[in-house]
Amino acid sequence: AQQYLGVPYVYGGSSASGFDCSGFTMY
């Protein structure tokens, strides 16, 4: 998870280019 610090918040996002909260945990 710490490898992705600073990745932008993107509503509905679930990839390393942008995450929403549950997309981040899912990924």
PDB file of all heavy atoms in Angstrom:
ATOM      1  N   ALA A   1       0.827  -1.214   0.000  1.00  0.00           N
ATOM      2  CA  ALA A   1       0.000   0.000   0.000  1.00  0.00           C
ATOM      3  C   ALA A   1       0.858   1.259   0.000  1.00  0.00           C
ATOM      4  O   ALA A   1       0.552   2.234  -0.701  1.00  0.00           O
ATOM      5  CB  ALA A   1      -0.934  -0.013   1.208  1.00  0.00           C
ATOM      6  N   GLN A   2       1.953   1.254   0.753  1.00  0.00           N
ATOM      7  CA  GLN A   2       2.800   2.448   0.867  1.00  0.00           C
ATOM      8  C   GLN A   2       3.495   2.802  -0.448  1.00  0.00           C
ATOM      9  O   GLN A   2       3.890   3.946  -0.640  1.00  0.00           O
ATOM     10  CB  GLN A   2       3.812   2.271   1.992  1.00  0.00           C
ATOM     11  CG  GLN A   2       3.153   2.335   3.356  1.00  0.00           C
ATOM     12  CD  GLN A   2       4.091   2.004   4.499  1.00  0.00           C
ATOM     13  OE1 GLN A   2       5.017   1.213   4.359  1.00  0.00           O
ATOM     14  NE2 GLN A   2       3.836   2.600   5.654  1.00  0.00           N
ATOM     15  N   GLN A   3       3.588   1.851  -1.362  1.00  0.00           N
ATOM     16  CA  GLN A   3       4.181   2.130  -2.671  1.00  0.00           C
ATOM     17  C   GLN A   3       3.320   3.093  -3.490  1.00  0.00           C
ATOM     18  O   GLN A   3       3.783   3.669  -4.465  1.00  0.00           O
ATOM     19  CB  GLN A   3       4.370   0.840  -3.469  1.00  0.00           C
ATOM     20  CG  GLN A   3       5.360  -0.128  -2.854  1.00  0.00           C
ATOM     21  CD  GLN A   3       5.368  -1.460  -3.585  1.00  0.00           C
ATOM     22  OE1 GLN A   3       5.066  -1.535  -4.768  1.00  0.00           O
ATOM     23  NE2 GLN A   3       5.716  -2.520  -2.873  1.00  0.00           N
ATOM     24  N   TYR A   4       2.058   3.259  -3.094  1.00  0.00           N
ATOM     25  CA  TYR A   4       1.129   4.077  -3.868  1.00  0.00           C
ATOM     26  C   TYR A   4       0.827   5.434  -3.216  1.00  0.00           C
ATOM     27  O   TYR A   4      -0.072   6.145  -3.661  1.00  0.00           O
ATOM     28  CB  TYR A   4      -0.162   3.283  -4.130  1.00  0.00           C
ATOM     29  CG  TYR A   4       0.120   2.053  -4.947  1.00  0.00           C
ATOM     30  CD1 TYR A   4       0.378   0.830  -4.342  1.00  0.00           C
ATOM     31  CD2 TYR A   4       0.220   2.130  -6.339  1.00  0.00           C
ATOM     32  CE1 TYR A   4       0.691  -0.297  -5.089  1.00  0.00           C
ATOM     33  CE2 TYR A   4       0.534   1.012  -7.094  1.00  0.00           C
ATOM     34  CZ  TYR A   4       0.769  -0.202  -6.463  1.00  0.00           C
ATOM     35  OH  TYR A   4       1.095  -1.311  -7.210  1.00  0.00           O
ATOM     36  N   LEU A   5       1.595   5.794  -2.204  1.00  0.00           N
ATOM     37  CA  LEU A   5       1.422   7.107  -1.586  1.00  0.00           C
ATOM     38  C   LEU A   5       1.548   8.193  -2.647  1.00  0.00           C
ATOM     39  O   LEU A   5       2.445   8.151  -3.491  1.00  0.00           O
ATOM     40  CB  LEU A   5       2.471   7.330  -0.488  1.00  0.00           C
ATOM     41  CG  LEU A   5       2.208   6.610   0.836  1.00  0.00           C
ATOM     42  CD1 LEU A   5       3.446   6.636   1.715  1.00  0.00           C
ATOM     43  CD2 LEU A   5       1.013   7.212   1.558  1.00  0.00           C
ATOM     44  N   GLY A   6       0.628   9.133  -2.644  1.00  0.00           N
ATOM     45  CA  GLY A   6       0.658  10.233  -3.596  1.00  0.00           C
ATOM     46  C   GLY A   6      -0.111   9.994  -4.877  1.00  0.00           C
ATOM     47  O   GLY A   6      -0.309  10.928  -5.657  1.00  0.00           O
ATOM     48  N   VAL A   7      -0.555   8.746  -5.124  1.00  0.00           N
ATOM     49  CA  VAL A   7      -1.361   8.481  -6.328  1.00  0.00           C
ATOM     50  C   VAL A   7      -2.668   9.266  -6.194  1.00  0.00           C
ATOM     51  O   VAL A   7      -3.282   9.293  -5.122  1.00  0.00           O
ATOM     52  CB  VAL A   7      -1.635   6.967  -6.497  1.00  0.00           C
ATOM     53  CG1 VAL A   7      -2.666   6.710  -7.594  1.00  0.00           C
ATOM     54  CG2 VAL A   7      -0.338   6.234  -6.807  1.00  0.00           C
ATOM     55  N   PRO A   8      -3.117   9.928  -7.257  1.00  0.00           N
ATOM     56  CA  PRO A   8      -4.301  10.782  -7.161  1.00  0.00           C
ATOM     57  C   PRO A   8      -5.586  10.032  -6.819  1.00  0.00           C
ATOM     58  O   PRO A   8      -5.761   8.871  -7.187  1.00  0.00           O
ATOM     59  CB  PRO A   8      -4.431  11.394  -8.562  1.00  0.00           C
ATOM     60  CG  PRO A   8      -3.185  11.084  -9.280  1.00  0.00           C
ATOM     61  CD  PRO A   8      -2.511   9.948  -8.590  1.00  0.00           C
ATOM     62  N   TYR A   9      -6.473  10.742  -6.112  1.00  0.00           N
ATOM     63  CA  TYR A   9      -7.823  10.251  -5.883  1.00  0.00           C
ATOM     64  C   TYR A   9      -8.608  10.434  -7.179  1.00  0.00           C
ATOM     65  O   TYR A   9      -8.629  11.521  -7.753  1.00  0.00           O
ATOM     66  CB  TYR A   9      -8.510  11.033  -4.760  1.00  0.00           C
ATOM     67  CG  TYR A   9      -9.936  10.574  -4.541  1.00  0.00           C
ATOM     68  CD1 TYR A   9     -10.219   9.554  -3.647  1.00  0.00           C
ATOM     69  CD2 TYR A   9     -10.988  11.136  -5.242  1.00  0.00           C
ATOM     70  CE1 TYR A   9     -11.513   9.101  -3.460  1.00  0.00           C
ATOM     71  CE2 TYR A   9     -12.296  10.691  -5.068  1.00  0.00           C
ATOM     72  CZ  TYR A   9     -12.546   9.674  -4.180  1.00  0.00           C
ATOM     73  OH  TYR A   9     -13.829   9.226  -4.009  1.00  0.00           O
ATOM     74  N   VAL A  10      -9.252   9.360  -7.633  1.00  0.00           N
ATOM     75  CA  VAL A  10     -10.115   9.417  -8.809  1.00  0.00           C
ATOM     76  C   VAL A  10     -11.402   8.683  -8.448  1.00  0.00           C
ATOM     77  O   VAL A  10     -11.363   7.492  -8.097  1.00  0.00           O
ATOM     78  CB  VAL A  10      -9.449   8.755 -10.044  1.00  0.00           C
ATOM     79  CG1 VAL A  10     -10.421   8.687 -11.209  1.00  0.00           C
ATOM     80  CG2 VAL A  10      -8.180   9.479 -10.435  1.00  0.00           C
ATOM     81  N   TYR A  11     -12.532   9.375  -8.508  1.00  0.00           N
ATOM     82  CA  TYR A  11     -13.808   8.739  -8.179  1.00  0.00           C
ATOM     83  C   TYR A  11     -14.026   7.532  -9.093  1.00  0.00           C
ATOM     84  O   TYR A  11     -13.928   7.645 -10.314  1.00  0.00           O
ATOM     85  CB  TYR A  11     -14.967   9.727  -8.332  1.00  0.00           C
ATOM     86  CG  TYR A  11     -16.283   9.126  -7.966  1.00  0.00           C
ATOM     87  CD1 TYR A  11     -16.665   8.985  -6.635  1.00  0.00           C
ATOM     88  CD2 TYR A  11     -17.153   8.654  -8.947  1.00  0.00           C
ATOM     89  CE1 TYR A  11     -17.873   8.405  -6.292  1.00  0.00           C
ATOM     90  CE2 TYR A  11     -18.368   8.067  -8.611  1.00  0.00           C
ATOM     91  CZ  TYR A  11     -18.720   7.949  -7.284  1.00  0.00           C
ATOM     92  OH  TYR A  11     -19.908   7.361  -6.939  1.00  0.00           O
ATOM     93  N   GLY A  12     -14.270   6.367  -8.511  1.00  0.00           N
ATOM     94  CA  GLY A  12     -14.476   5.140  -9.275  1.00  0.00           C
ATOM     95  C   GLY A  12     -13.184   4.465  -9.701  1.00  0.00           C
ATOM     96  O   GLY A  12     -13.214   3.397 -10.298  1.00  0.00           O
ATOM     97  N   GLY A  13     -12.040   5.072  -9.366  1.00  0.00           N
ATOM     98  CA  GLY A  13     -10.744   4.548  -9.800  1.00  0.00           C
ATOM     99  C   GLY A  13     -10.304   3.317  -9.028  1.00  0.00           C
ATOM    100  O   GLY A  13     -10.508   3.216  -7.820  1.00  0.00           O
ATOM    101  N   SER A  14      -9.690   2.387  -9.744  1.00  0.00           N
ATOM    102  CA  SER A  14      -9.194   1.164  -9.098  1.00  0.00           C
ATOM    103  C   SER A  14      -7.905   0.688  -9.770  1.00  0.00           C
ATOM    104  O   SER A  14      -7.655  -0.503  -9.875  1.00  0.00           O
ATOM    105  CB  SER A  14     -10.254   0.062  -9.139  1.00  0.00           C
ATOM    106  OG  SER A  14     -10.597  -0.247 -10.477  1.00  0.00           O
ATOM    107  N   SER A  15      -7.087   1.653 -10.221  1.00  0.00           N
ATOM    108  CA  SER A  15      -5.811   1.295 -10.844  1.00  0.00           C
ATOM    109  C   SER A  15      -4.732   2.250 -10.334  1.00  0.00           C
ATOM    110  O   SER A  15      -5.034   3.277  -9.720  1.00  0.00           O
ATOM    111  CB  SER A  15      -5.896   1.402 -12.367  1.00  0.00           C
ATOM    112  OG  SER A  15      -5.923   2.765 -12.759  1.00  0.00           O
ATOM    113  N   ALA A  16      -3.485   1.916 -10.614  1.00  0.00           N
ATOM    114  CA  ALA A  16      -2.356   2.698 -10.120  1.00  0.00           C
ATOM    115  C   ALA A  16      -2.314   4.113 -10.697  1.00  0.00           C
ATOM    116  O   ALA A  16      -1.540   4.943 -10.240  1.00  0.00           O
ATOM    117  CB  ALA A  16      -1.056   1.968 -10.417  1.00  0.00           C
ATOM    118  N   SER A  17      -3.175   4.412 -11.678  1.00  0.00           N
ATOM    119  CA  SER A  17      -3.231   5.780 -12.193  1.00  0.00           C
ATOM    120  C   SER A  17      -4.191   6.639 -11.375  1.00  0.00           C
ATOM    121  O   SER A  17      -4.186   7.859 -11.505  1.00  0.00           O
ATOM    122  CB  SER A  17      -3.625   5.787 -13.670  1.00  0.00           C
ATOM    123  OG  SER A  17      -4.900   5.208 -13.840  1.00  0.00           O
ATOM    124  N   GLY A  18      -5.011   6.024 -10.528  1.00  0.00           N
ATOM    125  CA  GLY A  18      -5.926   6.763  -9.675  1.00  0.00           C
ATOM    126  C   GLY A  18      -6.890   5.838  -8.966  1.00  0.00           C
ATOM    127  O   GLY A  18      -7.370   4.873  -9.555  1.00  0.00           O
ATOM    128  N   PHE A  19      -7.137   6.120  -7.690  1.00  0.00           N
ATOM    129  CA  PHE A  19      -7.992   5.270  -6.853  1.00  0.00           C
ATOM    130  C   PHE A  19      -9.074   6.079  -6.163  1.00  0.00           C
ATOM    131  O   PHE A  19      -8.840   7.231  -5.788  1.00  0.00           O
ATOM    132  CB  PHE A  19      -7.177   4.626  -5.722  1.00  0.00           C
ATOM    133  CG  PHE A  19      -6.058   3.729  -6.129  1.00  0.00           C
ATOM    134  CD1 PHE A  19      -4.741   4.142  -5.995  1.00  0.00           C
ATOM    135  CD2 PHE A  19      -6.307   2.457  -6.613  1.00  0.00           C
ATOM    136  CE1 PHE A  19      -3.691   3.297  -6.336  1.00  0.00           C
ATOM    137  CE2 PHE A  19      -5.266   1.602  -6.955  1.00  0.00           C
ATOM    138  CZ  PHE A  19      -3.959   2.026  -6.821  1.00  0.00           C
ATOM    139  N   ASP A  20     -10.233   5.440  -5.924  1.00  0.00           N
ATOM    140  CA  ASP A  20     -11.100   5.922  -4.864  1.00  0.00           C
ATOM    141  C   ASP A  20     -10.819   5.022  -3.660  1.00  0.00           C
ATOM    142  O   ASP A  20      -9.975   4.123  -3.737  1.00  0.00           O
ATOM    143  CB  ASP A  20     -12.577   5.975  -5.283  1.00  0.00           C
ATOM    144  CG  ASP A  20     -13.212   4.617  -5.553  1.00  0.00           C
ATOM    145  OD1 ASP A  20     -12.615   3.572  -5.224  1.00  0.00           O
ATOM    146  OD2 ASP A  20     -14.323   4.608  -6.100  1.00  0.00           O
ATOM    147  N   CYS A  21     -11.482   5.268  -2.541  1.00  0.00           N
ATOM    148  CA  CYS A  21     -11.074   4.555  -1.320  1.00  0.00           C
ATOM    149  C   CYS A  21     -11.191   3.042  -1.450  1.00  0.00           C
ATOM    150  O   CYS A  21     -10.253   2.307  -1.147  1.00  0.00           O
ATOM    151  CB  CYS A  21     -11.835   5.077  -0.111  1.00  0.00           C
ATOM    152  SG  CYS A  21     -13.609   4.741  -0.082  1.00  0.00           S
ATOM    153  N   SER A  22     -12.336   2.554  -1.927  1.00  0.00           N
ATOM    154  CA  SER A  22     -12.510   1.100  -2.013  1.00  0.00           C
ATOM    155  C   SER A  22     -11.771   0.520  -3.211  1.00  0.00           C
ATOM    156  O   SER A  22     -11.381  -0.654  -3.196  1.00  0.00           O
ATOM    157  CB  SER A  22     -13.994   0.734  -2.052  1.00  0.00           C
ATOM    158  OG  SER A  22     -14.617   1.262  -3.208  1.00  0.00           O
ATOM    159  N   GLY A  23     -11.564   1.320  -4.244  1.00  0.00           N
ATOM    160  CA  GLY A  23     -10.743   0.866  -5.372  1.00  0.00           C
ATOM    161  C   GLY A  23      -9.312   0.628  -4.932  1.00  0.00           C
ATOM    162  O   GLY A  23      -8.659  -0.313  -5.392  1.00  0.00           O
ATOM    163  N   PHE A  24      -8.828   1.472  -4.020  1.00  0.00           N
ATOM    164  CA  PHE A  24      -7.478   1.311  -3.473  1.00  0.00           C
ATOM    165  C   PHE A  24      -7.360   0.023  -2.667  1.00  0.00           C
ATOM    166  O   PHE A  24      -6.460  -0.792  -2.905  1.00  0.00           O
ATOM    167  CB  PHE A  24      -7.127   2.522  -2.602  1.00  0.00           C
ATOM    168  CG  PHE A  24      -5.787   2.433  -1.927  1.00  0.00           C
ATOM    169  CD1 PHE A  24      -4.608   2.423  -2.665  1.00  0.00           C
ATOM    170  CD2 PHE A  24      -5.690   2.380  -0.550  1.00  0.00           C
ATOM    171  CE1 PHE A  24      -3.369   2.348  -2.046  1.00  0.00           C
ATOM    172  CE2 PHE A  24      -4.461   2.310   0.085  1.00  0.00           C
ATOM    173  CZ  PHE A  24      -3.289   2.291  -0.674  1.00  0.00           C
ATOM    174  N   THR A  25      -8.289  -0.208  -1.741  1.00  0.00           N
ATOM    175  CA  THR A  25      -8.200  -1.417  -0.928  1.00  0.00           C
ATOM    176  C   THR A  25      -8.405  -2.669  -1.787  1.00  0.00           C
ATOM    177  O   THR A  25      -7.722  -3.669  -1.591  1.00  0.00           O
ATOM    178  CB  THR A  25      -9.209  -1.377   0.237  1.00  0.00           C
ATOM    179  OG1 THR A  25     -10.525  -1.134  -0.276  1.00  0.00           O
ATOM    180  CG2 THR A  25      -8.852  -0.282   1.227  1.00  0.00           C
ATOM    181  N   MET A  26      -9.317  -2.597  -2.754  1.00  0.00           N
ATOM    182  CA  MET A  26      -9.547  -3.726  -3.673  1.00  0.00           C
ATOM    183  C   MET A  26      -8.256  -4.053  -4.428  1.00  0.00           C
ATOM    184  O   MET A  26      -7.866  -5.223  -4.538  1.00  0.00           O
ATOM    185  CB  MET A  26     -10.670  -3.348  -4.642  1.00  0.00           C
ATOM    186  CG  MET A  26     -11.054  -4.415  -5.634  1.00  0.00           C
ATOM    187  SD  MET A  26     -12.477  -3.920  -6.653  1.00  0.00           S
ATOM    188  CE  MET A  26     -11.705  -2.774  -7.776  1.00  0.00           C
ATOM    189  N   TYR A  27      -7.582  -3.028  -4.941  1.00  0.00           N
ATOM    190  CA  TYR A  27      -6.350  -3.196  -5.720  1.00  0.00           C
ATOM    191  C   TYR A  27      -5.229  -3.773  -4.852  1.00  0.00           C
ATOM    192  O   TYR A  27      -4.540  -4.710  -5.255  1.00  0.00           O
ATOM    193  CB  TYR A  27      -5.941  -1.836  -6.289  1.00  0.00           C
ATOM    194  CG  TYR A  27      -4.717  -1.868  -7.168  1.00  0.00           C
ATOM    195  CD1 TYR A  27      -4.826  -2.130  -8.531  1.00  0.00           C
ATOM    196  CD2 TYR A  27      -3.456  -1.622  -6.642  1.00  0.00           C
ATOM    197  CE1 TYR A  27      -3.707  -2.141  -9.347  1.00  0.00           C
ATOM    198  CE2 TYR A  27      -2.326  -1.633  -7.444  1.00  0.00           C
ATOM    199  CZ  TYR A  27      -2.457  -1.893  -8.798  1.00  0.00           C
ATOM    200  OH  TYR A  27      -1.342  -1.915  -9.598  1.00  0.00           O
TER     201      TYR A  27
END
